[in-house]
């Protein structure tokens, strides 16, 4: 999945543990950093506990409010 990071953009992302597994939805302004943190176990909490680390969806928004509402 191509990832084009823009300045002043906000991203909604969905990660999965495996096919038909656990999903996690998040919002970030730095998808490259966030998607790297999950597989490396650097993000404590739900995603680490459930081994959620595969990016399956990414969308971009110009406003944080829109990204949060979409999440």
PDB file of N, CA and C in Angstrom:
ATOM      1  N   UNK A   1       0.855  -1.173   0.000  1.00  0.00           N
ATOM      2  CA  UNK A   1       0.000   0.000   0.000  1.00  0.00           C
ATOM      3  C   UNK A   1       0.898   1.233   0.000  1.00  0.00           C
ATOM      4  N   UNK A   2       0.856   2.088  -1.024  1.00  0.00           N
ATOM      5  CA  UNK A   2       1.699   3.276  -1.055  1.00  0.00           C
ATOM      6  C   UNK A   2       1.318   4.237   0.058  1.00  0.00           C
ATOM      7  N   UNK A   3       2.295   4.875   0.645  1.00  0.00           N
ATOM      8  CA  UNK A   3       2.051   5.834   1.719  1.00  0.00           C
ATOM      9  C   UNK A   3       2.732   7.147   1.353  1.00  0.00           C
ATOM     10  N   UNK A   4       1.943   8.166   1.110  1.00  0.00           N
ATOM     11  CA  UNK A   4       2.477   9.484   0.790  1.00  0.00           C
ATOM     12  C   UNK A   4       2.160  10.409   1.950  1.00  0.00           C
ATOM     13  N   UNK A   5       3.144  10.767   2.740  1.00  0.00           N
ATOM     14  CA  UNK A   5       2.965  11.599   3.911  1.00  0.00           C
ATOM     15  C   UNK A   5       2.975  13.059   3.486  1.00  0.00           C
ATOM     16  N   UNK A   6       1.976  13.813   3.945  1.00  0.00           N
ATOM     17  CA  UNK A   6       1.852  15.232   3.619  1.00  0.00           C
ATOM     18  C   UNK A   6       2.063  16.060   4.877  1.00  0.00           C
ATOM     19  N   UNK A   7       2.547  17.293   4.688  1.00  0.00           N
ATOM     20  CA  UNK A   7       2.648  18.222   5.808  1.00  0.00           C
ATOM     21  C   UNK A   7       1.243  18.633   6.230  1.00  0.00           C
ATOM     22  N   UNK A   8       1.047  18.823   7.537  1.00  0.00           N
ATOM     23  CA  UNK A   8      -0.221  19.295   8.086  1.00  0.00           C
ATOM     24  C   UNK A   8      -1.384  18.391   7.694  1.00  0.00           C
ATOM     25  N   UNK A   9      -1.172  17.118   7.739  1.00  0.00           N
ATOM     26  CA  UNK A   9      -2.218  16.147   7.450  1.00  0.00           C
ATOM     27  C   UNK A   9      -2.372  15.215   8.645  1.00  0.00           C
ATOM     28  N   UNK A  10      -3.534  14.616   8.730  1.00  0.00           N
ATOM     29  CA  UNK A  10      -3.852  13.680   9.806  1.00  0.00           C
ATOM     30  C   UNK A  10      -4.347  12.398   9.169  1.00  0.00           C
ATOM     31  N   UNK A  11      -3.977  11.279   9.744  1.00  0.00           N
ATOM     32  CA  UNK A  11      -4.229   9.986   9.129  1.00  0.00           C
ATOM     33  C   UNK A  11      -5.012   9.080  10.067  1.00  0.00           C
ATOM     34  N   UNK A  12      -6.001   8.421   9.513  1.00  0.00           N
ATOM     35  CA  UNK A  12      -6.714   7.353  10.200  1.00  0.00           C
ATOM     36  C   UNK A  12      -6.102   6.057   9.681  1.00  0.00           C
ATOM     37  N   UNK A  13      -5.746   5.167  10.586  1.00  0.00           N
ATOM     38  CA  UNK A  13      -5.143   3.909  10.160  1.00  0.00           C
ATOM     39  C   UNK A  13      -5.798   2.744  10.879  1.00  0.00           C
ATOM     40  N   UNK A  14      -5.784   1.603  10.219  1.00  0.00           N
ATOM     41  CA  UNK A  14      -6.282   0.374  10.820  1.00  0.00           C
ATOM     42  C   UNK A  14      -5.172  -0.667  10.735  1.00  0.00           C
ATOM     43  N   UNK A  15      -4.894  -1.281  11.869  1.00  0.00           N
ATOM     44  CA  UNK A  15      -3.920  -2.363  11.961  1.00  0.00           C
ATOM     45  C   UNK A  15      -4.658  -3.652  12.292  1.00  0.00           C
ATOM     46  N   UNK A  16      -4.087  -4.775  11.889  1.00  0.00           N
ATOM     47  CA  UNK A  16      -4.667  -6.084  12.191  1.00  0.00           C
ATOM     48  C   UNK A  16      -3.593  -7.005  12.750  1.00  0.00           C
ATOM     49  N   UNK A  17      -4.040  -7.973  13.544  1.00  0.00           N
ATOM     50  CA  UNK A  17      -3.107  -8.972  14.075  1.00  0.00           C
ATOM     51  C   UNK A  17      -2.835 -10.048  13.026  1.00  0.00           C
ATOM     52  N   UNK A  18      -3.872 -10.408  12.266  1.00  0.00           N
ATOM     53  CA  UNK A  18      -3.785 -11.413  11.202  1.00  0.00           C
ATOM     54  C   UNK A  18      -5.127 -11.420  10.487  1.00  0.00           C
ATOM     55  N   UNK A  19      -5.271 -12.218   9.446  1.00  0.00           N
ATOM     56  CA  UNK A  19      -6.542 -12.337   8.745  1.00  0.00           C
ATOM     57  C   UNK A  19      -7.615 -12.819   9.721  1.00  0.00           C
ATOM     58  N   UNK A  20      -8.746 -12.119   9.735  1.00  0.00           N
ATOM     59  CA  UNK A  20      -9.865 -12.423  10.646  1.00  0.00           C
ATOM     60  C   UNK A  20      -9.451 -12.302  12.113  1.00  0.00           C
ATOM     61  N   UNK A  21      -8.429 -11.508  12.387  1.00  0.00           N
ATOM     62  CA  UNK A  21      -7.944 -11.336  13.758  1.00  0.00           C
ATOM     63  C   UNK A  21      -8.449 -10.044  14.384  1.00  0.00           C
ATOM     64  N   UNK A  22      -7.679  -9.529  15.302  1.00  0.00           N
ATOM     65  CA  UNK A  22      -8.006  -8.321  16.036  1.00  0.00           C
ATOM     66  C   UNK A  22      -7.659  -7.094  15.214  1.00  0.00           C
ATOM     67  N   UNK A  23      -8.543  -6.078  15.247  1.00  0.00           N
ATOM     68  CA  UNK A  23      -8.312  -4.811  14.563  1.00  0.00           C
ATOM     69  C   UNK A  23      -8.083  -3.700  15.567  1.00  0.00           C
ATOM     70  N   UNK A  24      -7.314  -2.709  15.152  1.00  0.00           N
ATOM     71  CA  UNK A  24      -7.068  -1.512  15.953  1.00  0.00           C
ATOM     72  C   UNK A  24      -7.147  -0.311  15.025  1.00  0.00           C
ATOM     73  N   UNK A  25      -7.893   0.712  15.430  1.00  0.00           N
ATOM     74  CA  UNK A  25      -8.020   1.943  14.654  1.00  0.00           C
ATOM     75  C   UNK A  25      -7.377   3.071  15.426  1.00  0.00           C
ATOM     76  N   UNK A  26      -6.597   3.910  14.733  1.00  0.00           N
ATOM     77  CA  UNK A  26      -5.939   5.033  15.377  1.00  0.00           C
ATOM     78  C   UNK A  26      -5.875   6.250  14.477  1.00  0.00           C
ATOM     79  N   UNK A  27      -5.442   7.365  15.064  1.00  0.00           N
ATOM     80  CA  UNK A  27      -5.244   8.629  14.343  1.00  0.00           C
ATOM     81  C   UNK A  27      -3.832   9.106  14.656  1.00  0.00           C
ATOM     82  N   UNK A  28      -3.151   9.620  13.647  1.00  0.00           N
ATOM     83  CA  UNK A  28      -1.793  10.127  13.832  1.00  0.00           C
ATOM     84  C   UNK A  28      -1.493  11.214  12.815  1.00  0.00           C
ATOM     85  N   UNK A  29      -0.499  12.029  13.112  1.00  0.00           N
ATOM     86  CA  UNK A  29      -0.004  12.990  12.115  1.00  0.00           C
ATOM     87  C   UNK A  29       1.310  12.486  11.514  1.00  0.00           C
ATOM     88  N   UNK A  30       1.760  11.303  11.940  1.00  0.00           N
ATOM     89  CA  UNK A  30       3.009  10.730  11.448  1.00  0.00           C
ATOM     90  C   UNK A  30       2.827   9.216  11.251  1.00  0.00           C
ATOM     91  N   UNK A  31       2.216   8.817  10.142  1.00  0.00           N
ATOM     92  CA  UNK A  31       1.918   7.393   9.954  1.00  0.00           C
ATOM     93  C   UNK A  31       3.156   6.509   9.839  1.00  0.00           C
ATOM     94  N   UNK A  32       4.225   7.022   9.292  1.00  0.00           N
ATOM     95  CA  UNK A  32       5.452   6.217   9.173  1.00  0.00           C
ATOM     96  C   UNK A  32       5.960   5.844  10.559  1.00  0.00           C
ATOM     97  N   UNK A  33       6.015   6.819  11.458  1.00  0.00           N
ATOM     98  CA  UNK A  33       6.468   6.562  12.833  1.00  0.00           C
ATOM     99  C   UNK A  33       5.514   5.606  13.547  1.00  0.00           C
ATOM    100  N   UNK A  34       4.209   5.877  13.473  1.00  0.00           N
ATOM    101  CA  UNK A  34       3.242   5.062  14.203  1.00  0.00           C
ATOM    102  C   UNK A  34       3.222   3.621  13.715  1.00  0.00           C
ATOM    103  N   UNK A  35       3.224   3.442  12.416  1.00  0.00           N
ATOM    104  CA  UNK A  35       3.169   2.083  11.879  1.00  0.00           C
ATOM    105  C   UNK A  35       4.452   1.326  12.212  1.00  0.00           C
ATOM    106  N   UNK A  36       5.565   2.023  12.343  1.00  0.00           N
ATOM    107  CA  UNK A  36       6.824   1.396  12.759  1.00  0.00           C
ATOM    108  C   UNK A  36       6.769   0.998  14.238  1.00  0.00           C
ATOM    109  N   UNK A  37       6.167   1.834  15.076  1.00  0.00           N
ATOM    110  CA  UNK A  37       6.137   1.575  16.516  1.00  0.00           C
ATOM    111  C   UNK A  37       5.366   0.303  16.865  1.00  0.00           C
ATOM    112  N   UNK A  38       4.278   0.037  16.177  1.00  0.00           N
ATOM    113  CA  UNK A  38       3.448  -1.117  16.531  1.00  0.00           C
ATOM    114  C   UNK A  38       4.161  -2.455  16.336  1.00  0.00           C
ATOM    115  N   UNK A  39       4.727  -2.765  15.161  1.00  0.00           N
ATOM    116  CA  UNK A  39       5.394  -4.069  15.011  1.00  0.00           C
ATOM    117  C   UNK A  39       6.625  -4.233  15.892  1.00  0.00           C
ATOM    118  N   UNK A  40       7.252  -3.123  16.227  1.00  0.00           N
ATOM    119  CA  UNK A  40       8.448  -3.190  17.060  1.00  0.00           C
ATOM    120  C   UNK A  40       8.116  -3.320  18.541  1.00  0.00           C
ATOM    121  N   UNK A  41       6.820  -3.268  18.883  1.00  0.00           N
ATOM    122  CA  UNK A  41       6.410  -3.387  20.282  1.00  0.00           C
ATOM    123  C   UNK A  41       6.669  -2.136  21.084  1.00  0.00           C
ATOM    124  N   UNK A  42       6.853  -0.996  20.422  1.00  0.00           N
ATOM    125  CA  UNK A  42       7.128   0.260  21.106  1.00  0.00           C
ATOM    126  C   UNK A  42       5.858   0.946  21.588  1.00  0.00           C
ATOM    127  N   UNK A  43       4.712   0.539  21.061  1.00  0.00           N
ATOM    128  CA  UNK A  43       3.428   1.110  21.474  1.00  0.00           C
ATOM    129  C   UNK A  43       2.840   0.195  22.547  1.00  0.00           C
ATOM    130  N   UNK A  44       2.902   0.631  23.781  1.00  0.00           N
ATOM    131  CA  UNK A  44       2.388  -0.163  24.901  1.00  0.00           C
ATOM    132  C   UNK A  44       0.870  -0.212  24.855  1.00  0.00           C
ATOM    133  N   UNK A  45       0.303  -1.230  25.451  1.00  0.00           N
ATOM    134  CA  UNK A  45      -1.138  -1.304  25.594  1.00  0.00           C
ATOM    135  C   UNK A  45      -1.778  -2.342  24.697  1.00  0.00           C
ATOM    136  N   UNK A  46      -2.950  -1.989  24.160  1.00  0.00           N
ATOM    137  CA  UNK A  46      -3.800  -2.916  23.424  1.00  0.00           C
ATOM    138  C   UNK A  46      -3.084  -3.587  22.267  1.00  0.00           C
ATOM    139  N   UNK A  47      -2.420  -2.801  21.413  1.00  0.00           N
ATOM    140  CA  UNK A  47      -1.810  -3.384  20.217  1.00  0.00           C
ATOM    141  C   UNK A  47      -0.683  -4.346  20.564  1.00  0.00           C
ATOM    142  N   UNK A  48       0.075  -4.042  21.583  1.00  0.00           N
ATOM    143  CA  UNK A  48       1.156  -4.938  21.992  1.00  0.00           C
ATOM    144  C   UNK A  48       0.587  -6.211  22.619  1.00  0.00           C
ATOM    145  N   UNK A  49      -0.426  -6.061  23.438  1.00  0.00           N
ATOM    146  CA  UNK A  49      -1.030  -7.210  24.115  1.00  0.00           C
ATOM    147  C   UNK A  49      -1.700  -8.167  23.136  1.00  0.00           C
ATOM    148  N   UNK A  50      -2.223  -7.628  22.028  1.00  0.00           N
ATOM    149  CA  UNK A  50      -2.959  -8.452  21.066  1.00  0.00           C
ATOM    150  C   UNK A  50      -2.174  -8.694  19.775  1.00  0.00           C
ATOM    151  N   UNK A  51      -0.902  -8.330  19.767  1.00  0.00           N
ATOM    152  CA  UNK A  51      -0.014  -8.556  18.614  1.00  0.00           C
ATOM    153  C   UNK A  51      -0.576  -7.951  17.323  1.00  0.00           C
ATOM    154  N   UNK A  52      -1.119  -6.740  17.436  1.00  0.00           N
ATOM    155  CA  UNK A  52      -1.703  -6.032  16.293  1.00  0.00           C
ATOM    156  C   UNK A  52      -0.603  -5.192  15.659  1.00  0.00           C
ATOM    157  N   UNK A  53      -0.216  -5.533  14.399  1.00  0.00           N
ATOM    158  CA  UNK A  53       0.933  -4.840  13.831  1.00  0.00           C
ATOM    159  C   UNK A  53       0.938  -4.719  12.314  1.00  0.00           C
ATOM    160  N   UNK A  54      -0.069  -5.225  11.622  1.00  0.00           N
ATOM    161  CA  UNK A  54      -0.085  -5.180  10.156  1.00  0.00           C
ATOM    162  C   UNK A  54      -1.002  -4.062   9.670  1.00  0.00           C
ATOM    163  N   UNK A  55      -0.446  -3.102   8.940  1.00  0.00           N
ATOM    164  CA  UNK A  55      -1.247  -2.018   8.389  1.00  0.00           C
ATOM    165  C   UNK A  55      -2.153  -2.570   7.295  1.00  0.00           C
ATOM    166  N   UNK A  56      -3.467  -2.330   7.440  1.00  0.00           N
ATOM    167  CA  UNK A  56      -4.414  -2.804   6.431  1.00  0.00           C
ATOM    168  C   UNK A  56      -5.197  -1.663   5.788  1.00  0.00           C
ATOM    169  N   UNK A  57      -5.108  -0.437   6.362  1.00  0.00           N
ATOM    170  CA  UNK A  57      -5.868   0.686   5.809  1.00  0.00           C
ATOM    171  C   UNK A  57      -5.252   1.991   6.281  1.00  0.00           C
ATOM    172  N   UNK A  58      -5.253   2.989   5.382  1.00  0.00           N
ATOM    173  CA  UNK A  58      -4.734   4.313   5.710  1.00  0.00           C
ATOM    174  C   UNK A  58      -5.481   5.342   4.873  1.00  0.00           C
ATOM    175  N   UNK A  59      -5.984   6.395   5.535  1.00  0.00           N
ATOM    176  CA  UNK A  59      -6.617   7.484   4.797  1.00  0.00           C
ATOM    177  C   UNK A  59      -6.169   8.807   5.377  1.00  0.00           C
ATOM    178  N   UNK A  60      -6.177   9.853   4.561  1.00  0.00           N
ATOM    179  CA  UNK A  60      -5.646  11.155   4.942  1.00  0.00           C
ATOM    180  C   UNK A  60      -6.768  12.179   5.068  1.00  0.00           C
ATOM    181  N   UNK A  61      -6.577  13.095   6.036  1.00  0.00           N
ATOM    182  CA  UNK A  61      -7.521  14.197   6.269  1.00  0.00           C
ATOM    183  C   UNK A  61      -6.726  15.474   6.486  1.00  0.00           C
ATOM    184  N   UNK A  62      -7.313  16.591   6.095  1.00  0.00           N
ATOM    185  CA  UNK A  62      -6.672  17.887   6.293  1.00  0.00           C
ATOM    186  C   UNK A  62      -6.892  18.444   7.697  1.00  0.00           C
ATOM    187  N   UNK A  63      -7.947  17.987   8.361  1.00  0.00           N
ATOM    188  CA  UNK A  63      -8.283  18.501   9.696  1.00  0.00           C
ATOM    189  C   UNK A  63      -8.324  17.365  10.710  1.00  0.00           C
ATOM    190  N   UNK A  64      -7.767  17.625  11.882  1.00  0.00           N
ATOM    191  CA  UNK A  64      -7.743  16.619  12.937  1.00  0.00           C
ATOM    192  C   UNK A  64      -9.150  16.214  13.345  1.00  0.00           C
ATOM    193  N   UNK A  65     -10.067  17.187  13.399  1.00  0.00           N
ATOM    194  CA  UNK A  65     -11.445  16.873  13.783  1.00  0.00           C
ATOM    195  C   UNK A  65     -12.073  15.859  12.834  1.00  0.00           C
ATOM    196  N   UNK A  66     -11.804  15.996  11.542  1.00  0.00           N
ATOM    197  CA  UNK A  66     -12.335  15.052  10.555  1.00  0.00           C
ATOM    198  C   UNK A  66     -11.742  13.662  10.747  1.00  0.00           C
ATOM    199  N   UNK A  67     -10.458  13.601  11.029  1.00  0.00           N
ATOM    200  CA  UNK A  67      -9.793  12.309  11.238  1.00  0.00           C
ATOM    201  C   UNK A  67     -10.345  11.622  12.481  1.00  0.00           C
ATOM    202  N   UNK A  68     -10.522  12.370  13.552  1.00  0.00           N
ATOM    203  CA  UNK A  68     -11.046  11.788  14.794  1.00  0.00           C
ATOM    204  C   UNK A  68     -12.470  11.308  14.594  1.00  0.00           C
ATOM    205  N   UNK A  69     -13.276  12.086  13.897  1.00  0.00           N
ATOM    206  CA  UNK A  69     -14.664  11.659  13.654  1.00  0.00           C
ATOM    207  C   UNK A  69     -14.690  10.391  12.810  1.00  0.00           C
ATOM    208  N   UNK A  70     -13.845  10.304  11.823  1.00  0.00           N
ATOM    209  CA  UNK A  70     -13.793   9.125  10.950  1.00  0.00           C
ATOM    210  C   UNK A  70     -13.320   7.888  11.717  1.00  0.00           C
ATOM    211  N   UNK A  71     -12.388   8.109  12.639  1.00  0.00           N
ATOM    212  CA  UNK A  71     -11.866   6.995  13.422  1.00  0.00           C
ATOM    213  C   UNK A  71     -13.004   6.314  14.171  1.00  0.00           C
TER     214      UNK A  71
END
